Amino acid sequence: MIAVIATLHCEADNEEHLVSALKTLQFHSRQESGCERYDLARRELDDKIQLVVTELWKDKAALDSHFHAEHFTRFGSQASDIVLDSEIIQYEVIED
């Protein structure tokens, strides 16, 4: 399994727009084959909002398919002007 933690920052004025786009992405991603979890979280920082997406995918092929899905590329277009910075880190899950 592959775990993903994506962190995005935006100005407080753009939070509603970004969260709306993320919720749409979340809805479609959860329906993809190989998506085990897709959750959103937020916190306020001194001068911006931090949003975190935690994902769990069956395997690398499922994650690669997600990165090429239409709803993922659409999200990128919607968010490009309002995301201040982002980081996506992938982890191999240690299983019993």
C-alpha atoms as a PDB file:
ATOM      1  CA  MET A   1       0.000   0.000   0.000  1.00  0.00           C
ATOM      2  CA  ILE A   2       1.017   3.583  -0.596  1.00  0.00           C
ATOM      3  CA  ALA A   3       0.242   6.396   1.848  1.00  0.00           C
ATOM      4  CA  VAL A   4       0.267   9.985   0.659  1.00  0.00           C
ATOM      5  CA  ILE A   5       0.343  13.163   2.703  1.00  0.00           C
ATOM      6  CA  ALA A   6      -0.256  16.320   0.702  1.00  0.00           C
ATOM      7  CA  THR A   7       0.075  19.687   2.411  1.00  0.00           C
ATOM      8  CA  LEU A   8      -1.253  22.884   0.844  1.00  0.00           C
ATOM      9  CA  HIS A   9      -1.250  26.476   2.073  1.00  0.00           C
ATOM     10  CA  CYS A  10      -3.568  29.299   1.051  1.00  0.00           C
ATOM     11  CA  GLU A  11      -4.600  32.743   2.223  1.00  0.00           C
ATOM     12  CA  ALA A  12      -7.627  32.745   4.537  1.00  0.00           C
ATOM     13  CA  ASP A  13      -9.651  34.581   1.872  1.00  0.00           C
ATOM     14  CA  ASN A  14      -9.182  31.639  -0.504  1.00  0.00           C
ATOM     15  CA  GLU A  15      -9.942  28.836   1.944  1.00  0.00           C
ATOM     16  CA  GLU A  16     -13.591  28.361   0.973  1.00  0.00           C
ATOM     17  CA  HIS A  17     -12.731  28.062  -2.715  1.00  0.00           C
ATOM     18  CA  LEU A  18      -9.856  25.650  -2.088  1.00  0.00           C
ATOM     19  CA  VAL A  19     -11.850  23.475   0.324  1.00  0.00           C
ATOM     20  CA  SER A  20     -14.694  23.271  -2.195  1.00  0.00           C
ATOM     21  CA  ALA A  21     -12.283  22.121  -4.905  1.00  0.00           C
ATOM     22  CA  LEU A  22     -10.686  19.618  -2.512  1.00  0.00           C
ATOM     23  CA  LYS A  23     -14.069  18.188  -1.516  1.00  0.00           C
ATOM     24  CA  THR A  24     -14.901  17.614  -5.188  1.00  0.00           C
ATOM     25  CA  LEU A  25     -11.517  15.942  -5.663  1.00  0.00           C
ATOM     26  CA  GLN A  26     -12.110  13.856  -2.541  1.00  0.00           C
ATOM     27  CA  PHE A  27     -15.533  12.699  -3.760  1.00  0.00           C
ATOM     28  CA  HIS A  28     -14.214  11.500  -7.118  1.00  0.00           C
ATOM     29  CA  SER A  29     -10.981  10.068  -5.717  1.00  0.00           C
ATOM     30  CA  ARG A  30     -12.836   7.911  -3.205  1.00  0.00           C
ATOM     31  CA  GLN A  31     -14.615   6.260  -6.135  1.00  0.00           C
ATOM     32  CA  GLU A  32     -11.390   5.315  -7.904  1.00  0.00           C
ATOM     33  CA  SER A  33     -10.296   1.708  -7.988  1.00  0.00           C
ATOM     34  CA  GLY A  34      -7.507   1.283  -5.452  1.00  0.00           C
ATOM     35  CA  CYS A  35      -8.420   4.220  -3.209  1.00  0.00           C
ATOM     36  CA  GLU A  36      -8.657   2.987   0.367  1.00  0.00           C
ATOM     37  CA  ARG A  37      -8.869   6.386   2.141  1.00  0.00           C
ATOM     38  CA  TYR A  38      -8.970  10.031   1.145  1.00  0.00           C
ATOM     39  CA  ASP A  39      -9.373  12.480   4.023  1.00  0.00           C
ATOM     40  CA  LEU A  40      -9.079  16.244   4.473  1.00  0.00           C
ATOM     41  CA  ALA A  41      -7.963  18.278   7.493  1.00  0.00           C
ATOM     42  CA  ARG A  42      -7.181  21.931   8.172  1.00  0.00           C
ATOM     43  CA  ARG A  43      -5.577  24.251  10.654  1.00  0.00           C
ATOM     44  CA  GLU A  44      -5.072  27.966  10.948  1.00  0.00           C
ATOM     45  CA  LEU A  45      -1.546  29.295  11.025  1.00  0.00           C
ATOM     46  CA  ASP A  46      -0.562  32.850  11.894  1.00  0.00           C
ATOM     47  CA  ASP A  47      -0.827  34.194   8.371  1.00  0.00           C
ATOM     48  CA  LYS A  48      -2.411  31.425   6.283  1.00  0.00           C
ATOM     49  CA  ILE A  49      -4.470  28.248   6.247  1.00  0.00           C
ATOM     50  CA  GLN A  50      -2.904  24.811   6.039  1.00  0.00           C
ATOM     51  CA  LEU A  51      -4.881  21.996   4.433  1.00  0.00           C
ATOM     52  CA  VAL A  52      -3.729  18.392   4.593  1.00  0.00           C
ATOM     53  CA  VAL A  53      -4.890  15.531   2.419  1.00  0.00           C
ATOM     54  CA  THR A  54      -4.144  12.032   3.708  1.00  0.00           C
ATOM     55  CA  GLU A  55      -4.558   9.235   1.221  1.00  0.00           C
ATOM     56  CA  LEU A  56      -4.137   5.476   1.181  1.00  0.00           C
ATOM     57  CA  TRP A  57      -3.829   3.617  -2.129  1.00  0.00           C
ATOM     58  CA  LYS A  58      -3.798  -0.100  -2.900  1.00  0.00           C
ATOM     59  CA  ASP A  59      -0.551   0.170  -4.879  1.00  0.00           C
ATOM     60  CA  LYS A  60       1.641   2.471  -6.951  1.00  0.00           C
ATOM     61  CA  ALA A  61      -0.353   1.728 -10.107  1.00  0.00           C
ATOM     62  CA  ALA A  62      -3.569   2.974  -8.454  1.00  0.00           C
ATOM     63  CA  LEU A  63      -1.822   6.146  -7.298  1.00  0.00           C
ATOM     64  CA  ASP A  64      -0.313   6.748 -10.741  1.00  0.00           C
ATOM     65  CA  SER A  65      -3.776   6.336 -12.265  1.00  0.00           C
ATOM     66  CA  HIS A  66      -5.121   8.889  -9.760  1.00  0.00           C
ATOM     67  CA  PHE A  67      -2.473  11.433 -10.759  1.00  0.00           C
ATOM     68  CA  HIS A  68      -3.646  11.129 -14.378  1.00  0.00           C
ATOM     69  CA  ALA A  69      -7.389  11.157 -13.652  1.00  0.00           C
ATOM     70  CA  GLU A  70      -9.422  14.003 -15.125  1.00  0.00           C
ATOM     71  CA  HIS A  71     -10.655  15.183 -11.712  1.00  0.00           C
ATOM     72  CA  PHE A  72      -7.064  15.407 -10.433  1.00  0.00           C
ATOM     73  CA  THR A  73      -5.869  17.515 -13.375  1.00  0.00           C
ATOM     74  CA  ARG A  74      -8.998  19.681 -13.089  1.00  0.00           C
ATOM     75  CA  PHE A  75      -8.217  20.293  -9.415  1.00  0.00           C
ATOM     76  CA  GLY A  76      -4.706  21.377 -10.374  1.00  0.00           C
ATOM     77  CA  SER A  77      -6.134  23.973 -12.743  1.00  0.00           C
ATOM     78  CA  GLN A  78      -8.636  25.228 -10.157  1.00  0.00           C
ATOM     79  CA  ALA A  79      -6.079  25.468  -7.354  1.00  0.00           C
ATOM     80  CA  SER A  80      -3.021  26.780  -9.181  1.00  0.00           C
ATOM     81  CA  ASP A  81      -3.810  30.450  -8.584  1.00  0.00           C
ATOM     82  CA  ILE A  82      -4.743  30.147  -4.904  1.00  0.00           C
ATOM     83  CA  VAL A  83      -2.320  27.589  -3.466  1.00  0.00           C
ATOM     84  CA  LEU A  84       0.679  29.415  -2.048  1.00  0.00           C
ATOM     85  CA  ASP A  85       2.798  26.272  -1.797  1.00  0.00           C
ATOM     86  CA  SER A  86       2.334  22.549  -1.590  1.00  0.00           C
ATOM     87  CA  GLU A  87       4.171  19.349  -0.860  1.00  0.00           C
ATOM     88  CA  ILE A  88       3.220  15.775  -1.702  1.00  0.00           C
ATOM     89  CA  ILE A  89       5.058  12.957   0.072  1.00  0.00           C
ATOM     90  CA  GLN A  90       4.554   9.275  -0.693  1.00  0.00           C
ATOM     91  CA  TYR A  91       5.278   6.485   1.795  1.00  0.00           C
ATOM     92  CA  GLU A  92       5.302   2.724   1.538  1.00  0.00           C
ATOM     93  CA  VAL A  93       3.032   1.366   4.253  1.00  0.00           C
ATOM     94  CA  ILE A  94       4.668  -1.075   6.651  1.00  0.00           C
ATOM     95  CA  GLU A  95       2.249  -3.951   7.000  1.00  0.00           C
ATOM     96  CA  ASP A  96       2.206  -6.879   9.414  1.00  0.00           C
END
